Amino acid sequence: MKIKICGITNLDDALKAEQLGADAIGFIFFGASKRYISPEIAREISRSLKPFTTKVGVFVNEDVKAVNKIAEYAGIDILQLHGNEDPAYAAKLVRPFIKSIRVKDKSDLDIMSQFVNTTFLLDSFNANLFGGTGEKFDWGLIPQRKRNNIILAGGVSRYNVGEIIEEIKPYAVDVSSSIEIEPGKKDHKKMEELFRVFREAGG
């Protein structure tokens, strides 16, 4: 199973995540987020990471031309669409993408049928936030046949990542708020504990 550390805003946290074995690093380019990072700083961090560490850019209802431009400039490998983007929007992207879905009930997952050959990130629904809530949704809503093609977010922590690996078996987990001192600043001790549990559970 893969693990992505999201909400990275500084080089120190990025390098620590990479050292611990993160498969992907997430940069949030949504201006209203407490974990926003500028394309300039993201570019500097990307250039300091190893080539096989995947750099993910998170966008929310951003102009598609701006998304492509930022991705090119900041060295982003994969785009994460966290708003109301549809397949027509996604077709204009110049990078592979992940489609995020904020899950409140089973009907929220209907959008999965609109996208072909797409990996989905499932997060908790919050009327005021587009992610980073730190809240868990009902994992029982995830269709059994889809679980090996989803990234699980929302309340993922060192306390439940073992359960996730054993019970849900997603393609990957996305972790942010549970390993922070404050939004945008990671707690390295919590990160170490997360990866220790992740490895021991077979992740």
N, C-alpha and C. Protein backbone atom coordinates (compact mmCIF):
# COMPACT_ATOMS: atom_id res chain seq x y z
N MET A 1 0.84 -1.19 0.00
CA MET A 1 0.00 0.00 0.00
C MET A 1 0.88 1.25 0.00
N LYS A 2 0.41 2.27 -0.69
CA LYS A 2 1.16 3.52 -0.80
C LYS A 2 0.73 4.49 0.30
N ILE A 3 1.61 5.45 0.59
CA ILE A 3 1.28 6.47 1.58
C ILE A 3 1.70 7.85 1.07
N LYS A 4 0.75 8.78 1.14
CA LYS A 4 0.99 10.15 0.71
C LYS A 4 0.91 11.07 1.92
N ILE A 5 1.88 11.94 2.07
CA ILE A 5 1.87 12.95 3.12
C ILE A 5 1.49 14.28 2.47
N CYS A 6 0.34 14.80 2.85
CA CYS A 6 -0.19 15.99 2.19
C CYS A 6 -0.08 17.22 3.08
N GLY A 7 -0.30 18.38 2.45
CA GLY A 7 -0.24 19.64 3.19
C GLY A 7 1.18 20.06 3.51
N ILE A 8 2.14 19.66 2.68
CA ILE A 8 3.54 20.03 2.90
C ILE A 8 3.74 21.50 2.51
N THR A 9 4.39 22.26 3.40
CA THR A 9 4.62 23.68 3.13
C THR A 9 6.09 24.08 3.27
N ASN A 10 6.94 23.14 3.68
CA ASN A 10 8.35 23.51 3.88
C ASN A 10 9.25 22.31 3.57
N LEU A 11 10.50 22.61 3.26
CA LEU A 11 11.45 21.58 2.83
C LEU A 11 11.76 20.59 3.93
N ASP A 12 11.88 21.05 5.17
CA ASP A 12 12.22 20.17 6.28
C ASP A 12 11.21 19.04 6.42
N ASP A 13 9.93 19.37 6.36
CA ASP A 13 8.89 18.35 6.48
C ASP A 13 8.89 17.42 5.27
N ALA A 14 9.13 17.97 4.10
CA ALA A 14 9.15 17.16 2.88
C ALA A 14 10.28 16.14 2.92
N LEU A 15 11.44 16.57 3.33
CA LEU A 15 12.59 15.67 3.39
C LEU A 15 12.39 14.60 4.46
N LYS A 16 11.75 14.96 5.56
CA LYS A 16 11.49 13.98 6.62
C LYS A 16 10.51 12.92 6.11
N ALA A 17 9.47 13.36 5.44
CA ALA A 17 8.49 12.42 4.88
C ALA A 17 9.16 11.48 3.89
N GLU A 18 10.00 12.03 3.04
CA GLU A 18 10.70 11.22 2.05
C GLU A 18 11.63 10.22 2.73
N GLN A 19 12.36 10.67 3.74
CA GLN A 19 13.28 9.80 4.47
C GLN A 19 12.55 8.63 5.13
N LEU A 20 11.34 8.90 5.63
CA LEU A 20 10.57 7.86 6.30
C LEU A 20 9.91 6.88 5.32
N GLY A 21 9.89 7.25 4.06
CA GLY A 21 9.37 6.32 3.05
C GLY A 21 8.09 6.73 2.36
N ALA A 22 7.72 8.00 2.44
CA ALA A 22 6.51 8.45 1.75
C ALA A 22 6.64 8.22 0.25
N ASP A 23 5.58 7.70 -0.35
CA ASP A 23 5.57 7.49 -1.80
C ASP A 23 5.26 8.79 -2.54
N ALA A 24 4.49 9.66 -1.88
CA ALA A 24 4.08 10.91 -2.52
C ALA A 24 4.02 12.04 -1.50
N ILE A 25 4.27 13.24 -2.01
CA ILE A 25 4.21 14.47 -1.22
C ILE A 25 3.14 15.35 -1.84
N GLY A 26 2.25 15.90 -1.00
CA GLY A 26 1.16 16.71 -1.52
C GLY A 26 1.32 18.20 -1.23
N PHE A 27 1.19 19.01 -2.27
CA PHE A 27 1.21 20.47 -2.15
C PHE A 27 -0.18 21.01 -2.44
N ILE A 28 -0.67 21.88 -1.58
CA ILE A 28 -2.01 22.44 -1.76
C ILE A 28 -1.92 23.84 -2.35
N PHE A 29 -2.45 23.99 -3.55
CA PHE A 29 -2.41 25.28 -4.25
C PHE A 29 -3.75 26.01 -4.20
N PHE A 30 -4.54 25.69 -3.21
CA PHE A 30 -5.84 26.34 -3.00
C PHE A 30 -5.64 27.48 -2.00
N GLY A 31 -5.84 28.69 -2.46
CA GLY A 31 -5.51 29.86 -1.66
C GLY A 31 -6.21 29.97 -0.32
N ALA A 32 -7.41 29.40 -0.20
CA ALA A 32 -8.17 29.49 1.05
C ALA A 32 -7.74 28.46 2.08
N SER A 33 -6.86 27.55 1.71
CA SER A 33 -6.42 26.50 2.63
C SER A 33 -5.38 27.03 3.61
N LYS A 34 -5.44 26.53 4.84
CA LYS A 34 -4.44 26.87 5.86
C LYS A 34 -3.10 26.24 5.52
N ARG A 35 -3.12 25.31 4.58
CA ARG A 35 -1.89 24.62 4.17
C ARG A 35 -1.44 25.04 2.77
N TYR A 36 -1.89 26.19 2.35
CA TYR A 36 -1.52 26.70 1.01
C TYR A 36 -0.01 26.85 0.90
N ILE A 37 0.49 26.51 -0.28
CA ILE A 37 1.90 26.73 -0.59
C ILE A 37 1.98 27.45 -1.93
N SER A 38 2.89 28.38 -2.07
CA SER A 38 3.04 29.09 -3.34
C SER A 38 3.75 28.19 -4.35
N PRO A 39 3.49 28.38 -5.63
CA PRO A 39 4.19 27.59 -6.64
C PRO A 39 5.71 27.75 -6.55
N GLU A 40 6.17 28.92 -6.13
CA GLU A 40 7.61 29.17 -6.03
C GLU A 40 8.26 28.28 -4.98
N ILE A 41 7.63 28.19 -3.80
CA ILE A 41 8.19 27.35 -2.73
C ILE A 41 8.05 25.88 -3.09
N ALA A 42 6.93 25.51 -3.68
CA ALA A 42 6.73 24.12 -4.10
C ALA A 42 7.79 23.72 -5.12
N ARG A 43 8.13 24.61 -6.00
CA ARG A 43 9.16 24.35 -7.01
C ARG A 43 10.51 24.06 -6.35
N GLU A 44 10.87 24.87 -5.34
CA GLU A 44 12.13 24.67 -4.63
C GLU A 44 12.16 23.32 -3.92
N ILE A 45 11.04 22.97 -3.30
CA ILE A 45 10.97 21.68 -2.60
C ILE A 45 11.04 20.53 -3.59
N SER A 46 10.30 20.62 -4.68
CA SER A 46 10.29 19.56 -5.69
C SER A 46 11.68 19.27 -6.21
N ARG A 47 12.44 20.31 -6.42
CA ARG A 47 13.79 20.15 -6.94
C ARG A 47 14.74 19.50 -5.94
N SER A 48 14.35 19.50 -4.65
CA SER A 48 15.20 18.92 -3.61
C SER A 48 14.83 17.47 -3.30
N LEU A 49 13.72 17.01 -3.85
CA LEU A 49 13.28 15.64 -3.60
C LEU A 49 13.83 14.68 -4.64
N LYS A 50 13.83 13.41 -4.30
CA LYS A 50 14.34 12.40 -5.22
C LYS A 50 13.39 12.21 -6.39
N PRO A 51 13.91 11.79 -7.54
CA PRO A 51 13.07 11.67 -8.74
C PRO A 51 11.88 10.74 -8.59
N PHE A 52 12.00 9.68 -7.78
CA PHE A 52 10.91 8.72 -7.66
C PHE A 52 9.94 9.05 -6.53
N THR A 53 10.12 10.19 -5.87
CA THR A 53 9.12 10.67 -4.92
C THR A 53 8.09 11.46 -5.71
N THR A 54 6.86 11.00 -5.72
CA THR A 54 5.82 11.63 -6.53
C THR A 54 5.35 12.93 -5.90
N LYS A 55 5.30 13.98 -6.73
CA LYS A 55 4.83 15.29 -6.27
C LYS A 55 3.40 15.50 -6.76
N VAL A 56 2.49 15.70 -5.82
CA VAL A 56 1.07 15.85 -6.13
C VAL A 56 0.63 17.28 -5.86
N GLY A 57 -0.04 17.87 -6.83
CA GLY A 57 -0.57 19.22 -6.67
C GLY A 57 -2.07 19.20 -6.46
N VAL A 58 -2.54 19.78 -5.37
CA VAL A 58 -3.97 19.78 -5.04
C VAL A 58 -4.60 21.10 -5.47
N PHE A 59 -5.68 21.00 -6.25
CA PHE A 59 -6.37 22.18 -6.77
C PHE A 59 -7.86 22.08 -6.52
N VAL A 60 -8.50 23.22 -6.34
CA VAL A 60 -9.95 23.27 -6.08
C VAL A 60 -10.60 24.25 -7.06
N ASN A 61 -11.29 23.72 -8.04
CA ASN A 61 -12.04 24.55 -9.00
C ASN A 61 -11.18 25.67 -9.61
N GLU A 62 -9.94 25.35 -9.87
CA GLU A 62 -9.01 26.32 -10.45
C GLU A 62 -9.13 26.33 -11.97
N ASP A 63 -8.85 27.44 -12.58
CA ASP A 63 -8.83 27.54 -14.04
C ASP A 63 -7.85 26.50 -14.59
N VAL A 64 -8.29 25.73 -15.56
CA VAL A 64 -7.49 24.61 -16.02
C VAL A 64 -6.15 25.06 -16.62
N LYS A 65 -6.12 26.23 -17.25
CA LYS A 65 -4.86 26.73 -17.79
C LYS A 65 -3.89 27.06 -16.67
N ALA A 66 -4.40 27.60 -15.57
CA ALA A 66 -3.56 27.91 -14.42
C ALA A 66 -3.02 26.63 -13.78
N VAL A 67 -3.86 25.60 -13.74
CA VAL A 67 -3.43 24.31 -13.18
C VAL A 67 -2.26 23.75 -13.99
N ASN A 68 -2.40 23.74 -15.29
CA ASN A 68 -1.35 23.20 -16.16
C ASN A 68 -0.06 24.01 -16.03
N LYS A 69 -0.21 25.32 -15.91
CA LYS A 69 0.95 26.19 -15.80
C LYS A 69 1.69 25.97 -14.49
N ILE A 70 0.95 25.89 -13.40
CA ILE A 70 1.55 25.67 -12.08
C ILE A 70 2.22 24.30 -12.03
N ALA A 71 1.56 23.29 -12.58
CA ALA A 71 2.12 21.94 -12.58
C ALA A 71 3.46 21.90 -13.29
N GLU A 72 3.53 22.55 -14.43
CA GLU A 72 4.79 22.60 -15.19
C GLU A 72 5.87 23.34 -14.41
N TYR A 73 5.51 24.48 -13.86
CA TYR A 73 6.47 25.33 -13.16
C TYR A 73 6.99 24.68 -11.87
N ALA A 74 6.09 24.07 -11.10
CA ALA A 74 6.45 23.56 -9.77
C ALA A 74 6.93 22.12 -9.79
N GLY A 75 6.99 21.50 -10.95
CA GLY A 75 7.47 20.12 -11.03
C GLY A 75 6.50 19.09 -10.48
N ILE A 76 5.22 19.32 -10.72
CA ILE A 76 4.18 18.43 -10.22
C ILE A 76 4.00 17.24 -11.16
N ASP A 77 3.91 16.04 -10.58
CA ASP A 77 3.74 14.82 -11.36
C ASP A 77 2.27 14.46 -11.57
N ILE A 78 1.47 14.61 -10.51
CA ILE A 78 0.07 14.21 -10.54
C ILE A 78 -0.79 15.33 -9.97
N LEU A 79 -1.94 15.55 -10.60
CA LEU A 79 -2.87 16.58 -10.14
C LEU A 79 -3.98 15.93 -9.32
N GLN A 80 -4.37 16.60 -8.25
CA GLN A 80 -5.48 16.12 -7.42
C GLN A 80 -6.59 17.16 -7.48
N LEU A 81 -7.72 16.78 -8.03
CA LEU A 81 -8.84 17.68 -8.23
C LEU A 81 -9.79 17.56 -7.05
N HIS A 82 -9.87 18.60 -6.25
CA HIS A 82 -10.61 18.51 -5.00
C HIS A 82 -11.90 19.32 -5.00
N GLY A 83 -12.32 19.78 -6.18
CA GLY A 83 -13.54 20.58 -6.25
C GLY A 83 -14.63 19.88 -7.04
N ASN A 84 -15.29 20.65 -7.91
CA ASN A 84 -16.42 20.11 -8.69
C ASN A 84 -16.04 19.83 -10.14
N GLU A 85 -14.78 19.53 -10.37
CA GLU A 85 -14.29 19.31 -11.73
C GLU A 85 -14.95 18.07 -12.35
N ASP A 86 -15.27 18.17 -13.64
CA ASP A 86 -15.91 17.06 -14.34
C ASP A 86 -14.96 16.45 -15.37
N PRO A 87 -15.38 15.38 -16.05
CA PRO A 87 -14.49 14.74 -17.03
C PRO A 87 -14.05 15.67 -18.16
N ALA A 88 -14.91 16.60 -18.57
CA ALA A 88 -14.53 17.54 -19.64
C ALA A 88 -13.38 18.43 -19.18
N TYR A 89 -13.42 18.83 -17.93
CA TYR A 89 -12.33 19.62 -17.34
C TYR A 89 -11.05 18.77 -17.29
N ALA A 90 -11.18 17.54 -16.80
CA ALA A 90 -10.02 16.67 -16.65
C ALA A 90 -9.34 16.38 -17.98
N ALA A 91 -10.11 16.35 -19.05
CA ALA A 91 -9.57 16.05 -20.37
C ALA A 91 -8.59 17.11 -20.85
N LYS A 92 -8.63 18.29 -20.26
CA LYS A 92 -7.77 19.39 -20.66
C LYS A 92 -6.47 19.46 -19.87
N LEU A 93 -6.31 18.56 -18.92
CA LEU A 93 -5.11 18.56 -18.09
C LEU A 93 -3.93 17.92 -18.81
N VAL A 94 -2.75 18.40 -18.51
CA VAL A 94 -1.54 17.88 -19.16
C VAL A 94 -0.79 16.89 -18.26
N ARG A 95 -1.35 16.59 -17.10
CA ARG A 95 -0.76 15.62 -16.18
C ARG A 95 -1.83 14.58 -15.79
N PRO A 96 -1.41 13.40 -15.36
CA PRO A 96 -2.36 12.44 -14.80
C PRO A 96 -3.06 13.07 -13.60
N PHE A 97 -4.26 12.58 -13.27
CA PHE A 97 -4.98 13.21 -12.16
C PHE A 97 -5.66 12.18 -11.27
N ILE A 98 -5.93 12.63 -10.05
CA ILE A 98 -6.73 11.91 -9.07
C ILE A 98 -7.97 12.75 -8.84
N LYS A 99 -9.14 12.13 -8.79
CA LYS A 99 -10.37 12.88 -8.50
C LYS A 99 -10.78 12.64 -7.06
N SER A 100 -10.88 13.72 -6.31
CA SER A 100 -11.30 13.62 -4.91
C SER A 100 -12.82 13.71 -4.79
N ILE A 101 -13.35 12.94 -3.87
CA ILE A 101 -14.79 12.95 -3.58
C ILE A 101 -14.97 13.13 -2.08
N ARG A 102 -15.75 14.13 -1.71
CA ARG A 102 -16.06 14.33 -0.29
C ARG A 102 -17.33 13.53 0.03
N VAL A 103 -17.18 12.57 0.90
CA VAL A 103 -18.25 11.59 1.13
C VAL A 103 -19.10 11.92 2.36
N LYS A 104 -20.38 12.12 2.13
CA LYS A 104 -21.34 12.30 3.21
C LYS A 104 -22.28 11.10 3.28
N ASP A 105 -22.72 10.63 2.11
CA ASP A 105 -23.54 9.43 2.05
C ASP A 105 -23.22 8.69 0.75
N LYS A 106 -23.87 7.57 0.54
CA LYS A 106 -23.54 6.70 -0.59
C LYS A 106 -23.73 7.38 -1.94
N SER A 107 -24.67 8.32 -2.03
CA SER A 107 -24.93 8.98 -3.31
C SER A 107 -23.75 9.82 -3.79
N ASP A 108 -22.89 10.23 -2.87
CA ASP A 108 -21.73 11.03 -3.27
C ASP A 108 -20.77 10.23 -4.14
N LEU A 109 -20.86 8.91 -4.05
CA LEU A 109 -19.95 8.06 -4.81
C LEU A 109 -20.43 7.82 -6.24
N ASP A 110 -21.62 8.32 -6.57
CA ASP A 110 -22.14 8.13 -7.93
C ASP A 110 -21.25 8.77 -8.99
N ILE A 111 -20.51 9.81 -8.61
CA ILE A 111 -19.65 10.50 -9.57
C ILE A 111 -18.56 9.58 -10.11
N MET A 112 -18.26 8.51 -9.40
CA MET A 112 -17.21 7.59 -9.83
C MET A 112 -17.52 6.99 -11.20
N SER A 113 -18.78 6.84 -11.51
CA SER A 113 -19.17 6.24 -12.79
C SER A 113 -18.94 7.18 -13.97
N GLN A 114 -18.72 8.47 -13.70
CA GLN A 114 -18.52 9.45 -14.77
C GLN A 114 -17.09 9.47 -15.31
N PHE A 115 -16.16 8.95 -14.51
CA PHE A 115 -14.75 8.99 -14.88
C PHE A 115 -14.26 7.60 -15.25
N VAL A 116 -13.49 7.51 -16.32
CA VAL A 116 -12.97 6.23 -16.79
C VAL A 116 -11.50 6.10 -16.40
N ASN A 117 -11.12 4.91 -15.94
CA ASN A 117 -9.73 4.62 -15.58
C ASN A 117 -9.15 5.70 -14.66
N THR A 118 -9.88 6.00 -13.61
CA THR A 118 -9.49 7.07 -12.70
C THR A 118 -9.33 6.54 -11.29
N THR A 119 -8.29 7.02 -10.61
CA THR A 119 -8.12 6.73 -9.19
C THR A 119 -8.81 7.83 -8.39
N PHE A 120 -9.56 7.44 -7.38
CA PHE A 120 -10.32 8.39 -6.58
C PHE A 120 -9.75 8.50 -5.17
N LEU A 121 -9.76 9.72 -4.66
CA LEU A 121 -9.42 9.96 -3.26
C LEU A 121 -10.72 10.25 -2.53
N LEU A 122 -11.02 9.46 -1.51
CA LEU A 122 -12.25 9.63 -0.76
C LEU A 122 -11.94 10.32 0.56
N ASP A 123 -12.60 11.44 0.79
CA ASP A 123 -12.37 12.27 1.97
C ASP A 123 -13.70 12.53 2.67
N SER A 124 -13.65 13.09 3.84
CA SER A 124 -14.86 13.40 4.60
C SER A 124 -15.51 14.67 4.07
N PHE A 125 -16.84 14.68 4.06
CA PHE A 125 -17.57 15.87 3.64
C PHE A 125 -17.61 16.89 4.77
N ASN A 126 -17.36 18.14 4.40
CA ASN A 126 -17.53 19.26 5.32
C ASN A 126 -18.02 20.43 4.48
N ALA A 127 -19.13 21.03 4.87
CA ALA A 127 -19.73 22.09 4.06
C ALA A 127 -18.83 23.29 3.91
N ASN A 128 -17.88 23.47 4.83
CA ASN A 128 -17.04 24.67 4.81
C ASN A 128 -15.61 24.41 4.35
N LEU A 129 -15.25 23.14 4.18
CA LEU A 129 -13.88 22.81 3.82
C LEU A 129 -13.84 21.87 2.63
N PHE A 130 -12.78 21.97 1.83
CA PHE A 130 -12.60 21.07 0.68
C PHE A 130 -11.61 19.95 0.99
N GLY A 131 -11.29 19.76 2.26
CA GLY A 131 -10.35 18.73 2.66
C GLY A 131 -9.62 19.15 3.92
N GLY A 132 -8.77 18.24 4.43
CA GLY A 132 -8.00 18.57 5.61
C GLY A 132 -8.83 18.69 6.88
N THR A 133 -9.97 17.99 6.91
CA THR A 133 -10.86 18.10 8.07
C THR A 133 -10.34 17.29 9.26
N GLY A 134 -9.60 16.23 8.98
CA GLY A 134 -9.17 15.34 10.05
C GLY A 134 -10.29 14.46 10.56
N GLU A 135 -11.42 14.46 9.85
CA GLU A 135 -12.59 13.69 10.27
C GLU A 135 -12.75 12.44 9.41
N LYS A 136 -13.18 11.37 10.05
CA LYS A 136 -13.38 10.09 9.37
C LYS A 136 -14.82 10.00 8.85
N PHE A 137 -15.00 9.47 7.65
CA PHE A 137 -16.35 9.19 7.16
C PHE A 137 -16.63 7.70 7.31
N ASP A 138 -17.81 7.28 6.95
CA ASP A 138 -18.19 5.88 7.09
C ASP A 138 -17.52 5.05 5.99
N TRP A 139 -16.46 4.35 6.35
CA TRP A 139 -15.72 3.57 5.36
C TRP A 139 -16.54 2.42 4.80
N GLY A 140 -17.59 2.05 5.48
CA GLY A 140 -18.46 0.99 4.99
C GLY A 140 -19.18 1.36 3.70
N LEU A 141 -19.18 2.65 3.37
CA LEU A 141 -19.83 3.11 2.14
C LEU A 141 -18.99 2.79 0.90
N ILE A 142 -17.72 2.51 1.09
CA ILE A 142 -16.82 2.28 -0.06
C ILE A 142 -17.15 0.94 -0.70
N PRO A 143 -17.50 0.93 -1.99
CA PRO A 143 -17.82 -0.34 -2.66
C PRO A 143 -16.64 -1.31 -2.59
N GLN A 144 -16.90 -2.53 -2.26
CA GLN A 144 -15.84 -3.54 -2.09
C GLN A 144 -14.98 -3.66 -3.35
N ARG A 145 -15.62 -3.63 -4.51
CA ARG A 145 -14.89 -3.84 -5.76
C ARG A 145 -14.01 -2.65 -6.14
N LYS A 146 -14.21 -1.51 -5.47
CA LYS A 146 -13.46 -0.30 -5.81
C LYS A 146 -12.29 -0.04 -4.86
N ARG A 147 -12.22 -0.80 -3.79
CA ARG A 147 -11.29 -0.44 -2.71
C ARG A 147 -9.83 -0.47 -3.11
N ASN A 148 -9.46 -1.34 -4.04
CA ASN A 148 -8.06 -1.40 -4.44
C ASN A 148 -7.67 -0.30 -5.42
N ASN A 149 -8.63 0.60 -5.71
CA ASN A 149 -8.34 1.70 -6.63
C ASN A 149 -8.65 3.06 -6.02
N ILE A 150 -8.72 3.10 -4.68
CA ILE A 150 -9.00 4.37 -4.03
C ILE A 150 -7.87 4.75 -3.07
N ILE A 151 -7.78 6.05 -2.85
CA ILE A 151 -6.88 6.61 -1.84
C ILE A 151 -7.79 7.06 -0.69
N LEU A 152 -7.51 6.57 0.50
CA LEU A 152 -8.36 6.88 1.64
C LEU A 152 -7.79 8.05 2.43
N ALA A 153 -8.62 9.07 2.62
CA ALA A 153 -8.22 10.25 3.40
C ALA A 153 -9.32 10.52 4.42
N GLY A 154 -9.09 11.52 5.25
CA GLY A 154 -10.10 11.89 6.23
C GLY A 154 -9.94 11.11 7.53
N GLY A 155 -9.23 11.68 8.48
CA GLY A 155 -9.09 11.03 9.79
C GLY A 155 -8.11 9.88 9.83
N VAL A 156 -7.28 9.72 8.81
CA VAL A 156 -6.28 8.66 8.81
C VAL A 156 -5.16 9.05 9.76
N SER A 157 -4.79 8.15 10.66
CA SER A 157 -3.76 8.48 11.65
C SER A 157 -2.99 7.22 12.05
N ARG A 158 -2.02 7.41 12.91
CA ARG A 158 -1.24 6.28 13.42
C ARG A 158 -2.11 5.33 14.24
N TYR A 159 -3.26 5.81 14.70
CA TYR A 159 -4.14 4.99 15.53
C TYR A 159 -5.04 4.05 14.72
N ASN A 160 -5.24 4.35 13.45
CA ASN A 160 -6.14 3.50 12.67
C ASN A 160 -5.56 3.01 11.35
N VAL A 161 -4.32 3.37 11.04
CA VAL A 161 -3.75 2.96 9.75
C VAL A 161 -3.60 1.44 9.68
N GLY A 162 -3.35 0.79 10.82
CA GLY A 162 -3.27 -0.66 10.83
C GLY A 162 -4.61 -1.28 10.49
N GLU A 163 -5.68 -0.74 11.04
CA GLU A 163 -7.03 -1.21 10.74
C GLU A 163 -7.36 -1.02 9.26
N ILE A 164 -6.94 0.12 8.72
CA ILE A 164 -7.19 0.42 7.30
C ILE A 164 -6.51 -0.62 6.41
N ILE A 165 -5.26 -0.93 6.73
CA ILE A 165 -4.52 -1.91 5.93
C ILE A 165 -5.18 -3.28 5.99
N GLU A 166 -5.63 -3.65 7.18
CA GLU A 166 -6.22 -4.97 7.38
C GLU A 166 -7.64 -5.09 6.84
N GLU A 167 -8.45 -4.04 7.07
CA GLU A 167 -9.87 -4.14 6.75
C GLU A 167 -10.27 -3.54 5.39
N ILE A 168 -9.71 -2.38 5.06
CA ILE A 168 -10.13 -1.67 3.84
C ILE A 168 -9.27 -2.05 2.63
N LYS A 169 -7.98 -2.14 2.86
CA LYS A 169 -7.02 -2.49 1.80
C LYS A 169 -7.12 -1.54 0.60
N PRO A 170 -7.02 -0.23 0.82
CA PRO A 170 -7.06 0.71 -0.31
C PRO A 170 -5.74 0.70 -1.07
N TYR A 171 -5.73 1.37 -2.19
CA TYR A 171 -4.48 1.51 -2.95
C TYR A 171 -3.47 2.34 -2.16
N ALA A 172 -3.98 3.37 -1.47
CA ALA A 172 -3.10 4.27 -0.72
C ALA A 172 -3.87 4.98 0.37
N VAL A 173 -3.12 5.56 1.31
CA VAL A 173 -3.72 6.44 2.31
C VAL A 173 -3.10 7.82 2.17
N ASP A 174 -3.88 8.83 2.54
CA ASP A 174 -3.46 10.23 2.47
C ASP A 174 -3.53 10.78 3.90
N VAL A 175 -2.41 11.27 4.41
CA VAL A 175 -2.35 11.71 5.80
C VAL A 175 -1.86 13.16 5.87
N SER A 176 -2.51 13.95 6.71
CA SER A 176 -2.09 15.34 6.86
C SER A 176 -2.28 15.84 8.29
N SER A 177 -3.51 16.15 8.67
CA SER A 177 -3.75 16.84 9.93
C SER A 177 -3.36 16.04 11.17
N SER A 178 -3.43 14.71 11.10
CA SER A 178 -3.13 13.90 12.29
C SER A 178 -1.65 13.87 12.64
N ILE A 179 -0.81 14.39 11.76
CA ILE A 179 0.63 14.41 12.03
C ILE A 179 1.16 15.84 12.05
N GLU A 180 0.31 16.78 12.45
CA GLU A 180 0.70 18.18 12.47
C GLU A 180 0.81 18.75 13.87
N ILE A 181 1.69 19.73 14.00
CA ILE A 181 1.75 20.58 15.19
C ILE A 181 0.67 21.65 15.05
N GLU A 182 0.58 22.16 13.83
CA GLU A 182 -0.42 23.15 13.42
C GLU A 182 -0.57 23.01 11.92
N PRO A 183 -1.64 23.56 11.33
CA PRO A 183 -1.82 23.41 9.88
C PRO A 183 -0.58 23.87 9.09
N GLY A 184 -0.02 22.95 8.31
CA GLY A 184 1.13 23.27 7.48
C GLY A 184 2.48 22.98 8.12
N LYS A 185 2.48 22.56 9.38
CA LYS A 185 3.73 22.23 10.06
C LYS A 185 3.62 20.84 10.66
N LYS A 186 4.45 19.91 10.18
CA LYS A 186 4.37 18.53 10.62
C LYS A 186 5.11 18.29 11.94
N ASP A 187 4.60 17.33 12.69
CA ASP A 187 5.23 16.86 13.91
C ASP A 187 6.04 15.61 13.53
N HIS A 188 7.35 15.72 13.56
CA HIS A 188 8.18 14.63 13.06
C HIS A 188 8.08 13.37 13.91
N LYS A 189 7.84 13.52 15.20
CA LYS A 189 7.66 12.35 16.06
C LYS A 189 6.39 11.58 15.68
N LYS A 190 5.33 12.32 15.40
CA LYS A 190 4.08 11.68 14.98
C LYS A 190 4.24 11.03 13.62
N MET A 191 5.02 11.66 12.76
CA MET A 191 5.29 11.07 11.45
C MET A 191 6.04 9.76 11.60
N GLU A 192 7.03 9.75 12.47
CA GLU A 192 7.81 8.53 12.70
C GLU A 192 6.92 7.40 13.23
N GLU A 193 6.03 7.75 14.15
CA GLU A 193 5.13 6.76 14.71
C GLU A 193 4.16 6.23 13.66
N LEU A 194 3.65 7.13 12.82
CA LEU A 194 2.76 6.72 11.73
C LEU A 194 3.44 5.70 10.83
N PHE A 195 4.65 5.99 10.40
CA PHE A 195 5.35 5.08 9.49
C PHE A 195 5.74 3.78 10.18
N ARG A 196 6.03 3.84 11.47
CA ARG A 196 6.34 2.60 12.21
C ARG A 196 5.13 1.68 12.21
N VAL A 197 3.97 2.22 12.54
CA VAL A 197 2.75 1.41 12.56
C VAL A 197 2.40 0.93 11.16
N PHE A 198 2.57 1.82 10.18
CA PHE A 198 2.28 1.49 8.78
C PHE A 198 3.11 0.29 8.33
N ARG A 199 4.39 0.30 8.64
CA ARG A 199 5.27 -0.81 8.23
C ARG A 199 4.93 -2.10 8.98
N GLU A 200 4.69 -1.97 10.27
CA GLU A 200 4.41 -3.16 11.08
C GLU A 200 3.11 -3.83 10.65
N ALA A 201 2.19 -3.02 10.12
CA ALA A 201 0.91 -3.57 9.67
C ALA A 201 0.97 -4.12 8.24
N GLY A 202 2.13 -4.00 7.63
CA GLY A 202 2.30 -4.54 6.28
C GLY A 202 2.10 -3.56 5.16
N GLY A 203 2.09 -2.26 5.47
CA GLY A 203 1.90 -1.23 4.46
C GLY A 203 3.14 -1.00 3.62
